[in-house]
Amino acid sequence: MKRTHYHPFYNEIGRKLRYHRRRRGISQSEIAEHLGMSRQRYSRIEQKPERAPKKIQEQINEFIFHNGYKVERKKKLYRAELDAKMLEKF
């Protein structure tokens, strides 16, 4: 198996992703669901971010840092409210 050089810079990126995700109360599962991937795959991206395609890195950045998470959470809350209203009718 061919081993590739892993630059310490990527370790720092992974640590920062994890720090900011936890600071905002976002789980790996929530980000993975938003990106359409498994939680395990997202976990590997946090561990070795150089393996993630640039598009995925940009989506993670948008979700964590630019209110993407707030928008997604509002949608989920709204859907939950609608479900509760529907159940009240029955």
PDB file of N, CA and C in Angstrom:
ATOM      1  N   MET A   1       0.844  -1.168   0.000  1.00  0.00           N
ATOM      2  CA  MET A   1       0.000   0.000   0.000  1.00  0.00           C
ATOM      3  C   MET A   1       0.898   1.243   0.000  1.00  0.00           C
ATOM      4  N   LYS A   2       0.557   2.158  -0.871  1.00  0.00           N
ATOM      5  CA  LYS A   2       1.327   3.386  -0.989  1.00  0.00           C
ATOM      6  C   LYS A   2       0.941   4.356   0.133  1.00  0.00           C
ATOM      7  N   ARG A   3       1.931   4.863   0.832  1.00  0.00           N
ATOM      8  CA  ARG A   3       1.671   5.822   1.900  1.00  0.00           C
ATOM      9  C   ARG A   3       1.898   7.223   1.370  1.00  0.00           C
ATOM     10  N   THR A   4       0.981   8.100   1.696  1.00  0.00           N
ATOM     11  CA  THR A   4       1.128   9.484   1.264  1.00  0.00           C
ATOM     12  C   THR A   4       1.595  10.330   2.436  1.00  0.00           C
ATOM     13  N   HIS A   5       2.270  11.407   2.117  1.00  0.00           N
ATOM     14  CA  HIS A   5       2.745  12.314   3.150  1.00  0.00           C
ATOM     15  C   HIS A   5       1.561  13.093   3.712  1.00  0.00           C
ATOM     16  N   TYR A   6       1.458  13.131   5.012  1.00  0.00           N
ATOM     17  CA  TYR A   6       0.363  13.828   5.676  1.00  0.00           C
ATOM     18  C   TYR A   6       0.938  15.043   6.395  1.00  0.00           C
ATOM     19  N   HIS A   7       0.586  16.204   5.944  1.00  0.00           N
ATOM     20  CA  HIS A   7       1.129  17.437   6.498  1.00  0.00           C
ATOM     21  C   HIS A   7       0.420  17.787   7.816  1.00  0.00           C
ATOM     22  N   PRO A   8       1.166  18.208   8.858  1.00  0.00           N
ATOM     23  CA  PRO A   8       0.553  18.572  10.150  1.00  0.00           C
ATOM     24  C   PRO A   8      -0.488  19.687  10.037  1.00  0.00           C
ATOM     25  N   PHE A   9      -0.398  20.488   8.989  1.00  0.00           N
ATOM     26  CA  PHE A   9      -1.361  21.556   8.746  1.00  0.00           C
ATOM     27  C   PHE A   9      -2.784  21.000   8.724  1.00  0.00           C
ATOM     28  N   TYR A  10      -2.954  19.808   8.148  1.00  0.00           N
ATOM     29  CA  TYR A  10      -4.282  19.213   8.066  1.00  0.00           C
ATOM     30  C   TYR A  10      -4.791  18.773   9.437  1.00  0.00           C
ATOM     31  N   ASN A  11      -3.886  18.365  10.323  1.00  0.00           N
ATOM     32  CA  ASN A  11      -4.302  18.035  11.686  1.00  0.00           C
ATOM     33  C   ASN A  11      -4.934  19.252  12.346  1.00  0.00           C
ATOM     34  N   GLU A  12      -4.327  20.411  12.138  1.00  0.00           N
ATOM     35  CA  GLU A  12      -4.836  21.648  12.716  1.00  0.00           C
ATOM     36  C   GLU A  12      -6.211  21.991  12.134  1.00  0.00           C
ATOM     37  N   ILE A  13      -6.391  21.805  10.848  1.00  0.00           N
ATOM     38  CA  ILE A  13      -7.700  22.062  10.221  1.00  0.00           C
ATOM     39  C   ILE A  13      -8.761  21.155  10.841  1.00  0.00           C
ATOM     40  N   GLY A  14      -8.439  19.882  10.982  1.00  0.00           N
ATOM     41  CA  GLY A  14      -9.384  18.929  11.575  1.00  0.00           C
ATOM     42  C   GLY A  14      -9.746  19.309  13.001  1.00  0.00           C
ATOM     43  N   ARG A  15      -8.746  19.717  13.791  1.00  0.00           N
ATOM     44  CA  ARG A  15      -9.005  20.141  15.171  1.00  0.00           C
ATOM     45  C   ARG A  15      -9.918  21.371  15.200  1.00  0.00           C
ATOM     46  N   LYS A  16      -9.673  22.314  14.289  1.00  0.00           N
ATOM     47  CA  LYS A  16     -10.498  23.528  14.256  1.00  0.00           C
ATOM     48  C   LYS A  16     -11.927  23.219  13.824  1.00  0.00           C
ATOM     49  N   LEU A  17     -12.084  22.344  12.847  1.00  0.00           N
ATOM     50  CA  LEU A  17     -13.431  21.934  12.442  1.00  0.00           C
ATOM     51  C   LEU A  17     -14.188  21.340  13.626  1.00  0.00           C
ATOM     52  N   ARG A  18     -13.538  20.417  14.319  1.00  0.00           N
ATOM     53  CA  ARG A  18     -14.142  19.755  15.471  1.00  0.00           C
ATOM     54  C   ARG A  18     -14.489  20.775  16.566  1.00  0.00           C
ATOM     55  N   TYR A  19     -13.555  21.695  16.856  1.00  0.00           N
ATOM     56  CA  TYR A  19     -13.761  22.705  17.889  1.00  0.00           C
ATOM     57  C   TYR A  19     -14.985  23.572  17.574  1.00  0.00           C
ATOM     58  N   HIS A  20     -15.034  24.113  16.368  1.00  0.00           N
ATOM     59  CA  HIS A  20     -16.132  25.013  16.007  1.00  0.00           C
ATOM     60  C   HIS A  20     -17.466  24.273  15.906  1.00  0.00           C
ATOM     61  N   ARG A  21     -17.421  23.029  15.443  1.00  0.00           N
ATOM     62  CA  ARG A  21     -18.654  22.230  15.363  1.00  0.00           C
ATOM     63  C   ARG A  21     -19.204  22.013  16.770  1.00  0.00           C
ATOM     64  N   ARG A  22     -18.355  21.606  17.686  1.00  0.00           N
ATOM     65  CA  ARG A  22     -18.794  21.352  19.065  1.00  0.00           C
ATOM     66  C   ARG A  22     -19.235  22.651  19.746  1.00  0.00           C
ATOM     67  N   ARG A  23     -18.514  23.721  19.501  1.00  0.00           N
ATOM     68  CA  ARG A  23     -18.829  25.022  20.117  1.00  0.00           C
ATOM     69  C   ARG A  23     -20.234  25.481  19.734  1.00  0.00           C
ATOM     70  N   ARG A  24     -20.650  25.160  18.525  1.00  0.00           N
ATOM     71  CA  ARG A  24     -21.975  25.551  18.059  1.00  0.00           C
ATOM     72  C   ARG A  24     -23.037  24.498  18.360  1.00  0.00           C
ATOM     73  N   GLY A  25     -22.625  23.406  18.996  1.00  0.00           N
ATOM     74  CA  GLY A  25     -23.582  22.362  19.378  1.00  0.00           C
ATOM     75  C   GLY A  25     -24.073  21.537  18.209  1.00  0.00           C
ATOM     76  N   ILE A  26     -23.236  21.383  17.194  1.00  0.00           N
ATOM     77  CA  ILE A  26     -23.609  20.620  16.000  1.00  0.00           C
ATOM     78  C   ILE A  26     -22.993  19.231  16.099  1.00  0.00           C
ATOM     79  N   SER A  27     -23.785  18.213  15.861  1.00  0.00           N
ATOM     80  CA  SER A  27     -23.240  16.857  15.893  1.00  0.00           C
ATOM     81  C   SER A  27     -22.681  16.478  14.518  1.00  0.00           C
ATOM     82  N   GLN A  28     -21.826  15.482  14.515  1.00  0.00           N
ATOM     83  CA  GLN A  28     -21.299  14.976  13.247  1.00  0.00           C
ATOM     84  C   GLN A  28     -22.441  14.437  12.392  1.00  0.00           C
ATOM     85  N   SER A  29     -23.416  13.833  13.021  1.00  0.00           N
ATOM     86  CA  SER A  29     -24.556  13.274  12.282  1.00  0.00           C
ATOM     87  C   SER A  29     -25.349  14.360  11.570  1.00  0.00           C
ATOM     88  N   GLU A  30     -25.513  15.512  12.226  1.00  0.00           N
ATOM     89  CA  GLU A  30     -26.273  16.602  11.608  1.00  0.00           C
ATOM     90  C   GLU A  30     -25.559  17.138  10.367  1.00  0.00           C
ATOM     91  N   ILE A  31     -24.251  17.312  10.472  1.00  0.00           N
ATOM     92  CA  ILE A  31     -23.501  17.787   9.305  1.00  0.00           C
ATOM     93  C   ILE A  31     -23.528  16.743   8.206  1.00  0.00           C
ATOM     94  N   ALA A  32     -23.309  15.496   8.576  1.00  0.00           N
ATOM     95  CA  ALA A  32     -23.299  14.415   7.588  1.00  0.00           C
ATOM     96  C   ALA A  32     -24.637  14.329   6.863  1.00  0.00           C
ATOM     97  N   GLU A  33     -25.729  14.443   7.608  1.00  0.00           N
ATOM     98  CA  GLU A  33     -27.064  14.394   6.997  1.00  0.00           C
ATOM     99  C   GLU A  33     -27.228  15.547   6.008  1.00  0.00           C
ATOM    100  N   HIS A  34     -26.803  16.731   6.404  1.00  0.00           N
ATOM    101  CA  HIS A  34     -26.904  17.905   5.524  1.00  0.00           C
ATOM    102  C   HIS A  34     -26.097  17.703   4.237  1.00  0.00           C
ATOM    103  N   LEU A  35     -24.937  17.064   4.354  1.00  0.00           N
ATOM    104  CA  LEU A  35     -24.063  16.850   3.200  1.00  0.00           C
ATOM    105  C   LEU A  35     -24.438  15.605   2.400  1.00  0.00           C
ATOM    106  N   GLY A  36     -25.336  14.790   2.939  1.00  0.00           N
ATOM    107  CA  GLY A  36     -25.749  13.577   2.240  1.00  0.00           C
ATOM    108  C   GLY A  36     -24.718  12.472   2.306  1.00  0.00           C
ATOM    109  N   MET A  37     -24.082  12.343   3.463  1.00  0.00           N
ATOM    110  CA  MET A  37     -23.071  11.293   3.652  1.00  0.00           C
ATOM    111  C   MET A  37     -23.276  10.641   5.011  1.00  0.00           C
ATOM    112  N   SER A  38     -22.545   9.571   5.249  1.00  0.00           N
ATOM    113  CA  SER A  38     -22.654   8.902   6.545  1.00  0.00           C
ATOM    114  C   SER A  38     -21.852   9.669   7.596  1.00  0.00           C
ATOM    115  N   ARG A  39     -22.205   9.435   8.864  1.00  0.00           N
ATOM    116  CA  ARG A  39     -21.481  10.074   9.948  1.00  0.00           C
ATOM    117  C   ARG A  39     -20.027   9.608   9.965  1.00  0.00           C
ATOM    118  N   GLN A  40     -19.807   8.348   9.633  1.00  0.00           N
ATOM    119  CA  GLN A  40     -18.456   7.807   9.618  1.00  0.00           C
ATOM    120  C   GLN A  40     -17.592   8.527   8.581  1.00  0.00           C
ATOM    121  N   ARG A  41     -18.183   8.799   7.417  1.00  0.00           N
ATOM    122  CA  ARG A  41     -17.413   9.502   6.386  1.00  0.00           C
ATOM    123  C   ARG A  41     -17.058  10.911   6.848  1.00  0.00           C
ATOM    124  N   TYR A  42     -18.025  11.602   7.464  1.00  0.00           N
ATOM    125  CA  TYR A  42     -17.719  12.945   7.958  1.00  0.00           C
ATOM    126  C   TYR A  42     -16.635  12.890   9.033  1.00  0.00           C
ATOM    127  N   SER A  43     -16.709  11.888   9.900  1.00  0.00           N
ATOM    128  CA  SER A  43     -15.696  11.735  10.947  1.00  0.00           C
ATOM    129  C   SER A  43     -14.304  11.586  10.335  1.00  0.00           C
ATOM    130  N   ARG A  44     -14.216  10.815   9.255  1.00  0.00           N
ATOM    131  CA  ARG A  44     -12.913  10.657   8.578  1.00  0.00           C
ATOM    132  C   ARG A  44     -12.438  11.982   7.986  1.00  0.00           C
ATOM    133  N   ILE A  45     -13.379  12.817   7.521  1.00  0.00           N
ATOM    134  CA  ILE A  45     -12.998  14.122   6.983  1.00  0.00           C
ATOM    135  C   ILE A  45     -12.413  14.994   8.089  1.00  0.00           C
ATOM    136  N   GLU A  46     -13.013  14.944   9.300  1.00  0.00           N
ATOM    137  CA  GLU A  46     -12.442  15.708  10.415  1.00  0.00           C
ATOM    138  C   GLU A  46     -11.052  15.193  10.768  1.00  0.00           C
ATOM    139  N   GLN A  47     -10.855  13.895  10.647  1.00  0.00           N
ATOM    140  CA  GLN A  47      -9.561  13.311  10.987  1.00  0.00           C
ATOM    141  C   GLN A  47      -8.504  13.612   9.924  1.00  0.00           C
ATOM    142  N   LYS A  48      -8.901  13.566   8.663  1.00  0.00           N
ATOM    143  CA  LYS A  48      -7.963  13.794   7.560  1.00  0.00           C
ATOM    144  C   LYS A  48      -8.627  14.657   6.492  1.00  0.00           C
ATOM    145  N   PRO A  49      -8.712  15.970   6.744  1.00  0.00           N
ATOM    146  CA  PRO A  49      -9.456  16.844   5.823  1.00  0.00           C
ATOM    147  C   PRO A  49      -8.858  16.964   4.429  1.00  0.00           C
ATOM    148  N   GLU A  50      -7.608  16.597   4.234  1.00  0.00           N
ATOM    149  CA  GLU A  50      -7.024  16.716   2.894  1.00  0.00           C
ATOM    150  C   GLU A  50      -7.657  15.752   1.914  1.00  0.00           C
ATOM    151  N   ARG A  51      -8.350  14.748   2.424  1.00  0.00           N
ATOM    152  CA  ARG A  51      -8.988  13.760   1.545  1.00  0.00           C
ATOM    153  C   ARG A  51     -10.362  14.209   1.054  1.00  0.00           C
ATOM    154  N   ALA A  52     -10.901  15.261   1.640  1.00  0.00           N
ATOM    155  CA  ALA A  52     -12.227  15.734   1.252  1.00  0.00           C
ATOM    156  C   ALA A  52     -12.135  16.592  -0.002  1.00  0.00           C
ATOM    157  N   PRO A  53     -13.024  16.368  -0.955  1.00  0.00           N
ATOM    158  CA  PRO A  53     -13.037  17.228  -2.138  1.00  0.00           C
ATOM    159  C   PRO A  53     -13.305  18.686  -1.735  1.00  0.00           C
ATOM    160  N   LYS A  54     -12.801  19.589  -2.536  1.00  0.00           N
ATOM    161  CA  LYS A  54     -12.935  21.016  -2.234  1.00  0.00           C
ATOM    162  C   LYS A  54     -14.402  21.421  -2.076  1.00  0.00           C
ATOM    163  N   LYS A  55     -15.277  20.868  -2.891  1.00  0.00           N
ATOM    164  CA  LYS A  55     -16.706  21.193  -2.807  1.00  0.00           C
ATOM    165  C   LYS A  55     -17.269  20.824  -1.434  1.00  0.00           C
ATOM    166  N   ILE A  56     -16.895  19.655  -0.922  1.00  0.00           N
ATOM    167  CA  ILE A  56     -17.352  19.214   0.396  1.00  0.00           C
ATOM    168  C   ILE A  56     -16.789  20.135   1.472  1.00  0.00           C
ATOM    169  N   GLN A  57     -15.520  20.503   1.359  1.00  0.00           N
ATOM    170  CA  GLN A  57     -14.913  21.416   2.334  1.00  0.00           C
ATOM    171  C   GLN A  57     -15.673  22.737   2.366  1.00  0.00           C
ATOM    172  N   GLU A  58     -16.057  23.249   1.210  1.00  0.00           N
ATOM    173  CA  GLU A  58     -16.813  24.503   1.142  1.00  0.00           C
ATOM    174  C   GLU A  58     -18.196  24.356   1.775  1.00  0.00           C
ATOM    175  N   GLN A  59     -18.853  23.211   1.554  1.00  0.00           N
ATOM    176  CA  GLN A  59     -20.174  22.987   2.141  1.00  0.00           C
ATOM    177  C   GLN A  59     -20.087  22.894   3.664  1.00  0.00           C
ATOM    178  N   ILE A  60     -19.047  22.252   4.168  1.00  0.00           N
ATOM    179  CA  ILE A  60     -18.847  22.166   5.619  1.00  0.00           C
ATOM    180  C   ILE A  60     -18.642  23.566   6.187  1.00  0.00           C
ATOM    181  N   ASN A  61     -17.796  24.336   5.539  1.00  0.00           N
ATOM    182  CA  ASN A  61     -17.526  25.701   5.969  1.00  0.00           C
ATOM    183  C   ASN A  61     -18.813  26.521   6.001  1.00  0.00           C
ATOM    184  N   GLU A  62     -19.611  26.424   4.958  1.00  0.00           N
ATOM    185  CA  GLU A  62     -20.873  27.160   4.882  1.00  0.00           C
ATOM    186  C   GLU A  62     -21.814  26.745   6.013  1.00  0.00           C
ATOM    187  N   PHE A  63     -21.899  25.451   6.251  1.00  0.00           N
ATOM    188  CA  PHE A  63     -22.821  24.933   7.253  1.00  0.00           C
ATOM    189  C   PHE A  63     -22.422  25.359   8.656  1.00  0.00           C
ATOM    190  N   ILE A  64     -21.134  25.268   8.980  1.00  0.00           N
ATOM    191  CA  ILE A  64     -20.676  25.579  10.336  1.00  0.00           C
ATOM    192  C   ILE A  64     -20.567  27.084  10.569  1.00  0.00           C
ATOM    193  N   PHE A  65     -20.004  27.804   9.612  1.00  0.00           N
ATOM    194  CA  PHE A  65     -19.631  29.190   9.871  1.00  0.00           C
ATOM    195  C   PHE A  65     -20.562  30.254   9.301  1.00  0.00           C
ATOM    196  N   HIS A  66     -21.395  29.936   8.351  1.00  0.00           N
ATOM    197  CA  HIS A  66     -22.175  30.976   7.688  1.00  0.00           C
ATOM    198  C   HIS A  66     -23.675  30.749   7.779  1.00  0.00           C
ATOM    199  N   ASN A  67     -24.151  30.433   8.969  1.00  0.00           N
ATOM    200  CA  ASN A  67     -25.581  30.324   9.257  1.00  0.00           C
ATOM    201  C   ASN A  67     -26.309  29.208   8.526  1.00  0.00           C
ATOM    202  N   GLY A  68     -25.613  28.364   7.800  1.00  0.00           N
ATOM    203  CA  GLY A  68     -26.283  27.230   7.166  1.00  0.00           C
ATOM    204  C   GLY A  68     -26.949  26.347   8.199  1.00  0.00           C
ATOM    205  N   TYR A  69     -26.299  26.197   9.345  1.00  0.00           N
ATOM    206  CA  TYR A  69     -26.848  25.359  10.401  1.00  0.00           C
ATOM    207  C   TYR A  69     -28.110  25.986  10.993  1.00  0.00           C
ATOM    208  N   LYS A  70     -28.098  27.304  11.183  1.00  0.00           N
ATOM    209  CA  LYS A  70     -29.279  27.973  11.743  1.00  0.00           C
ATOM    210  C   LYS A  70     -30.485  27.807  10.818  1.00  0.00           C
ATOM    211  N   VAL A  71     -30.260  27.935   9.537  1.00  0.00           N
ATOM    212  CA  VAL A  71     -31.341  27.773   8.563  1.00  0.00           C
ATOM    213  C   VAL A  71     -31.879  26.350   8.611  1.00  0.00           C
ATOM    214  N   GLU A  72     -30.984  25.377   8.632  1.00  0.00           N
ATOM    215  CA  GLU A  72     -31.388  23.967   8.671  1.00  0.00           C
ATOM    216  C   GLU A  72     -32.165  23.660   9.951  1.00  0.00           C
ATOM    217  N   ARG A  73     -31.706  24.190  11.075  1.00  0.00           N
ATOM    218  CA  ARG A  73     -32.390  23.940  12.349  1.00  0.00           C
ATOM    219  C   ARG A  73     -33.785  24.556  12.336  1.00  0.00           C
ATOM    220  N   LYS A  74     -33.927  25.761  11.763  1.00  0.00           N
ATOM    221  CA  LYS A  74     -35.240  26.400  11.673  1.00  0.00           C
ATOM    222  C   LYS A  74     -36.194  25.554  10.841  1.00  0.00           C
ATOM    223  N   LYS A  75     -35.683  24.973   9.741  1.00  0.00           N
ATOM    224  CA  LYS A  75     -36.520  24.117   8.903  1.00  0.00           C
ATOM    225  C   LYS A  75     -37.004  22.904   9.691  1.00  0.00           C
ATOM    226  N   LYS A  76     -36.107  22.288  10.471  1.00  0.00           N
ATOM    227  CA  LYS A  76     -36.480  21.115  11.251  1.00  0.00           C
ATOM    228  C   LYS A  76     -37.508  21.473  12.314  1.00  0.00           C
ATOM    229  N   LEU A  77     -37.317  22.625  12.986  1.00  0.00           N
ATOM    230  CA  LEU A  77     -38.272  23.054  13.996  1.00  0.00           C
ATOM    231  C   LEU A  77     -39.637  23.318  13.365  1.00  0.00           C
ATOM    232  N   TYR A  78     -39.637  23.949  12.204  1.00  0.00           N
ATOM    233  CA  TYR A  78     -40.887  24.246  11.514  1.00  0.00           C
ATOM    234  C   TYR A  78     -41.609  22.949  11.142  1.00  0.00           C
ATOM    235  N   ARG A  79     -40.856  21.970  10.612  1.00  0.00           N
ATOM    236  CA  ARG A  79     -41.455  20.679  10.259  1.00  0.00           C
ATOM    237  C   ARG A  79     -42.025  19.986  11.498  1.00  0.00           C
ATOM    238  N   ALA A  80     -41.313  20.074  12.617  1.00  0.00           N
ATOM    239  CA  ALA A  80     -41.787  19.451  13.859  1.00  0.00           C
ATOM    240  C   ALA A  80     -43.071  20.131  14.334  1.00  0.00           C
ATOM    241  N   GLU A  81     -43.145  21.462  14.196  1.00  0.00           N
ATOM    242  CA  GLU A  81     -44.359  22.189  14.572  1.00  0.00           C
ATOM    243  C   GLU A  81     -45.534  21.771  13.692  1.00  0.00           C
ATOM    244  N   LEU A  82     -45.286  21.635  12.400  1.00  0.00           N
ATOM    245  CA  LEU A  82     -46.344  21.199  11.493  1.00  0.00           C
ATOM    246  C   LEU A  82     -46.821  19.798  11.845  1.00  0.00           C
ATOM    247  N   ASP A  83     -45.881  18.909  12.145  1.00  0.00           N
ATOM    248  CA  ASP A  83     -46.251  17.542  12.524  1.00  0.00           C
ATOM    249  C   ASP A  83     -47.102  17.544  13.789  1.00  0.00           C
ATOM    250  N   ALA A  84     -46.721  18.379  14.759  1.00  0.00           N
ATOM    251  CA  ALA A  84     -47.484  18.448  16.011  1.00  0.00           C
ATOM    252  C   ALA A  84     -48.896  18.965  15.756  1.00  0.00           C
ATOM    253  N   LYS A  85     -49.036  19.958  14.892  1.00  0.00           N
ATOM    254  CA  LYS A  85     -50.362  20.498  14.568  1.00  0.00           C
ATOM    255  C   LYS A  85     -51.229  19.446  13.875  1.00  0.00           C
ATOM    256  N   MET A  86     -50.599  18.678  12.989  1.00  0.00           N
ATOM    257  CA  MET A  86     -51.342  17.627  12.279  1.00  0.00           C
ATOM    258  C   MET A  86     -51.831  16.562  13.270  1.00  0.00           C
ATOM    259  N   LEU A  87     -51.006  16.222  14.245  1.00  0.00           N
ATOM    260  CA  LEU A  87     -51.397  15.215  15.226  1.00  0.00           C
ATOM    261  C   LEU A  87     -52.526  15.711  16.113  1.00  0.00           C
ATOM    262  N   GLU A  88     -52.549  17.024  16.398  1.00  0.00           N
ATOM    263  CA  GLU A  88     -53.612  17.578  17.230  1.00  0.00           C
ATOM    264  C   GLU A  88     -54.986  17.420  16.573  1.00  0.00           C
ATOM    265  N   LYS A  89     -55.017  17.469  15.255  1.00  0.00           N
ATOM    266  CA  LYS A  89     -56.286  17.377  14.531  1.00  0.00           C
ATOM    267  C   LYS A  89     -56.889  15.990  14.615  1.00  0.00           C
ATOM    268  N   PHE A  90     -56.036  14.985  14.839  1.00  0.00           N
ATOM    269  CA  PHE A  90     -56.539  13.617  14.885  1.00  0.00           C
ATOM    270  C   PHE A  90     -56.749  13.219  16.281  1.00  0.00           C
TER     271      PHE A  90
END
